[in-house]
C-alpha atoms as a PDB file:
ATOM      1  CA  MET A   1      74.546  51.324  60.372  1.00  0.00           C
ATOM      2  CA  THR A   2      74.089  49.648  63.746  1.00  0.00           C
ATOM      3  CA  GLN A   3      71.620  52.333  64.804  1.00  0.00           C
ATOM      4  CA  ALA A   4      69.604  51.709  61.641  1.00  0.00           C
ATOM      5  CA  LYS A   5      69.449  47.968  62.326  1.00  0.00           C
ATOM      6  CA  TRP A   6      67.766  48.746  65.651  1.00  0.00           C
ATOM      7  CA  ALA A   7      65.611  51.690  64.559  1.00  0.00           C
ATOM      8  CA  LEU A   8      64.192  50.704  61.174  1.00  0.00           C
ATOM      9  CA  PRO A   9      62.680  47.214  61.660  1.00  0.00           C
ATOM     10  CA  PRO A  10      60.268  48.363  64.402  1.00  0.00           C
ATOM     11  CA  ARG A  11      58.930  51.059  62.038  1.00  0.00           C
ATOM     12  CA  VAL A  12      58.487  48.431  59.319  1.00  0.00           C
ATOM     13  CA  PHE A  13      56.474  46.245  61.697  1.00  0.00           C
ATOM     14  CA  ILE A  14      54.313  49.178  62.828  1.00  0.00           C
ATOM     15  CA  TRP A  15      53.439  50.058  59.240  1.00  0.00           C
ATOM     16  CA  ALA A  16      53.043  46.426  58.190  1.00  0.00           C
ATOM     17  CA  GLU A  17      50.426  45.969  60.885  1.00  0.00           C
ATOM     18  CA  ARG A  18      48.568  49.121  59.823  1.00  0.00           C
ATOM     19  CA  MET A  19      48.711  48.082  56.177  1.00  0.00           C
ATOM     20  CA  ARG A  20      47.816  44.464  56.974  1.00  0.00           C
ATOM     21  CA  VAL A  21      50.814  42.998  55.184  1.00  0.00           C
ATOM     22  CA  THR A  22      53.580  40.706  56.411  1.00  0.00           C
ATOM     23  CA  PRO A  23      57.172  41.051  55.236  1.00  0.00           C
ATOM     24  CA  ARG A  24      59.133  37.799  55.281  1.00  0.00           C
ATOM     25  CA  ALA A  25      62.441  39.446  56.180  1.00  0.00           C
ATOM     26  CA  ILE A  26      63.960  42.882  56.694  1.00  0.00           C
ATOM     27  CA  THR A  27      67.575  43.696  55.879  1.00  0.00           C
ATOM     28  CA  ILE A  28      69.503  46.931  56.291  1.00  0.00           C
ATOM     29  CA  ARG A  29      72.254  47.649  53.783  1.00  0.00           C
ATOM     30  CA  ASP A  30      74.647  50.350  52.653  1.00  0.00           C
ATOM     31  CA  THR A  31      73.227  51.170  49.238  1.00  0.00           C
ATOM     32  CA  ARG A  32      73.651  54.203  47.026  1.00  0.00           C
ATOM     33  CA  SER A  33      71.290  53.353  44.185  1.00  0.00           C
ATOM     34  CA  ARG A  34      68.011  52.960  46.093  1.00  0.00           C
ATOM     35  CA  TRP A  35      66.434  53.721  49.437  1.00  0.00           C
ATOM     36  CA  GLY A  36      64.667  50.396  49.640  1.00  0.00           C
ATOM     37  CA  SER A  37      63.316  47.441  47.751  1.00  0.00           C
ATOM     38  CA  CYS A  38      60.848  44.598  48.069  1.00  0.00           C
ATOM     39  CA  SER A  39      61.571  41.215  46.534  1.00  0.00           C
ATOM     40  CA  SER A  40      58.958  38.959  45.006  1.00  0.00           C
ATOM     41  CA  LYS A  41      59.465  36.710  48.042  1.00  0.00           C
ATOM     42  CA  GLY A  42      58.395  39.499  50.404  1.00  0.00           C
ATOM     43  CA  ARG A  43      61.832  40.534  51.633  1.00  0.00           C
ATOM     44  CA  ILE A  44      62.193  44.221  52.438  1.00  0.00           C
ATOM     45  CA  MET A  45      65.608  45.862  52.073  1.00  0.00           C
ATOM     46  CA  LEU A  46      66.243  49.361  53.413  1.00  0.00           C
ATOM     47  CA  CYS A  47      69.253  51.641  53.179  1.00  0.00           C
ATOM     48  CA  TRP A  48      70.722  52.576  56.561  1.00  0.00           C
ATOM     49  CA  ARG A  49      70.704  56.267  55.549  1.00  0.00           C
ATOM     50  CA  LEU A  50      66.948  56.366  56.134  1.00  0.00           C
ATOM     51  CA  ILE A  51      67.738  57.160  59.758  1.00  0.00           C
ATOM     52  CA  LEU A  52      69.208  60.486  58.588  1.00  0.00           C
ATOM     53  CA  MET A  53      65.842  61.603  57.163  1.00  0.00           C
ATOM     54  CA  PRO A  54      62.828  63.102  58.894  1.00  0.00           C
ATOM     55  CA  GLU A  55      60.645  60.304  60.240  1.00  0.00           C
ATOM     56  CA  THR A  56      57.789  61.151  57.874  1.00  0.00           C
ATOM     57  CA  VAL A  57      60.025  60.767  54.809  1.00  0.00           C
ATOM     58  CA  ARG A  58      61.508  57.560  56.199  1.00  0.00           C
ATOM     59  CA  ASP A  59      58.005  56.206  56.785  1.00  0.00           C
ATOM     60  CA  SER A  60      57.057  57.159  53.225  1.00  0.00           C
ATOM     61  CA  ILE A  61      59.783  54.880  51.876  1.00  0.00           C
ATOM     62  CA  ILE A  62      58.795  52.087  54.234  1.00  0.00           C
ATOM     63  CA  ILE A  63      55.136  52.436  53.184  1.00  0.00           C
ATOM     64  CA  HIS A  64      56.186  52.352  49.531  1.00  0.00           C
ATOM     65  CA  GLU A  65      58.124  49.111  49.946  1.00  0.00           C
ATOM     66  CA  LEU A  66      55.391  47.483  52.010  1.00  0.00           C
ATOM     67  CA  GLY A  67      52.894  48.520  49.343  1.00  0.00           C
ATOM     68  CA  HIS A  68      54.637  46.105  47.008  1.00  0.00           C
ATOM     69  CA  LEU A  69      53.481  43.247  49.214  1.00  0.00           C
ATOM     70  CA  LYS A  70      49.939  44.036  47.971  1.00  0.00           C
ATOM     71  CA  HIS A  71      50.764  45.223  44.455  1.00  0.00           C
ATOM     72  CA  PHE A  72      54.125  44.128  43.077  1.00  0.00           C
ATOM     73  CA  ASN A  73      54.232  46.934  40.509  1.00  0.00           C
ATOM     74  CA  HIS A  74      53.722  50.693  40.221  1.00  0.00           C
ATOM     75  CA  SER A  75      50.170  50.530  38.892  1.00  0.00           C
ATOM     76  CA  ARG A  76      47.375  52.945  39.750  1.00  0.00           C
ATOM     77  CA  ASP A  77      46.156  50.379  42.307  1.00  0.00           C
ATOM     78  CA  PHE A  78      49.596  50.424  43.951  1.00  0.00           C
ATOM     79  CA  TRP A  79      49.695  54.230  44.221  1.00  0.00           C
ATOM     80  CA  ASP A  80      46.100  54.378  45.473  1.00  0.00           C
ATOM     81  CA  TYR A  81      46.991  51.844  48.162  1.00  0.00           C
ATOM     82  CA  VAL A  82      50.184  53.684  49.188  1.00  0.00           C
ATOM     83  CA  ASP A  83      48.350  57.023  49.263  1.00  0.00           C
ATOM     84  CA  GLN A  84      45.900  55.635  51.823  1.00  0.00           C
ATOM     85  CA  PHE A  85      48.789  55.475  54.294  1.00  0.00           C
ATOM     86  CA  ASP A  86      51.041  58.271  53.040  1.00  0.00           C
ATOM     87  CA  THR A  87      48.763  61.213  52.332  1.00  0.00           C
ATOM     88  CA  GLN A  88      51.779  63.534  51.881  1.00  0.00           C
ATOM     89  CA  ARG A  89      53.628  61.246  49.458  1.00  0.00           C
ATOM     90  CA  ARG A  90      54.302  63.921  46.845  1.00  0.00           C
ATOM     91  CA  HIS A  91      55.720  66.259  49.490  1.00  0.00           C
ATOM     92  CA  HIS A  92      57.996  63.451  50.714  1.00  0.00           C
ATOM     93  CA  GLN A  93      59.136  62.721  47.161  1.00  0.00           C
ATOM     94  CA  THR A  94      60.020  66.400  46.699  1.00  0.00           C
ATOM     95  CA  TRP A  95      62.021  66.363  49.943  1.00  0.00           C
ATOM     96  CA  LEU A  96      63.934  63.316  48.695  1.00  0.00           C
ATOM     97  CA  LYS A  97      64.746  64.948  45.358  1.00  0.00           C
ATOM     98  CA  LYS A  98      66.128  68.011  47.142  1.00  0.00           C
ATOM     99  CA  ASN A  99      68.142  66.126  49.778  1.00  0.00           C
ATOM    100  CA  THR A 100      69.298  62.838  48.224  1.00  0.00           C
ATOM    101  CA  ALA A 101      72.746  64.090  47.147  1.00  0.00           C
ATOM    102  CA  ALA A 102      73.580  65.312  50.648  1.00  0.00           C
ATOM    103  CA  LEU A 103      72.403  62.068  52.245  1.00  0.00           C
ATOM    104  CA  LEU A 104      74.412  59.911  49.867  1.00  0.00           C
ATOM    105  CA  ALA A 105      77.558  61.931  50.581  1.00  0.00           C
ATOM    106  CA  ARG A 106      77.634  60.523  54.129  1.00  0.00           C
END
């Protein structure tokens, strides 16, 4: 988990700058029910297991959570916004479906 605390926040800041959003806080946790979340107060939470994924899949989750800073829902506007930054989103979602069980076993 220590490695994740050093590796993940810089990626969040890189994407936040590209997306022109500003998270209020970033926390890394040991979760098994979700890869990340965004609170209504702008706090981003990420699971440490993201570091076990390919960088493109990891970035897809980060982009998704940061997208909630613009659209705090899963509306068409949200997905259109996310897809501007993650053009391979559906491919990344498929990778997650295939590999989630193995990642959570760690």
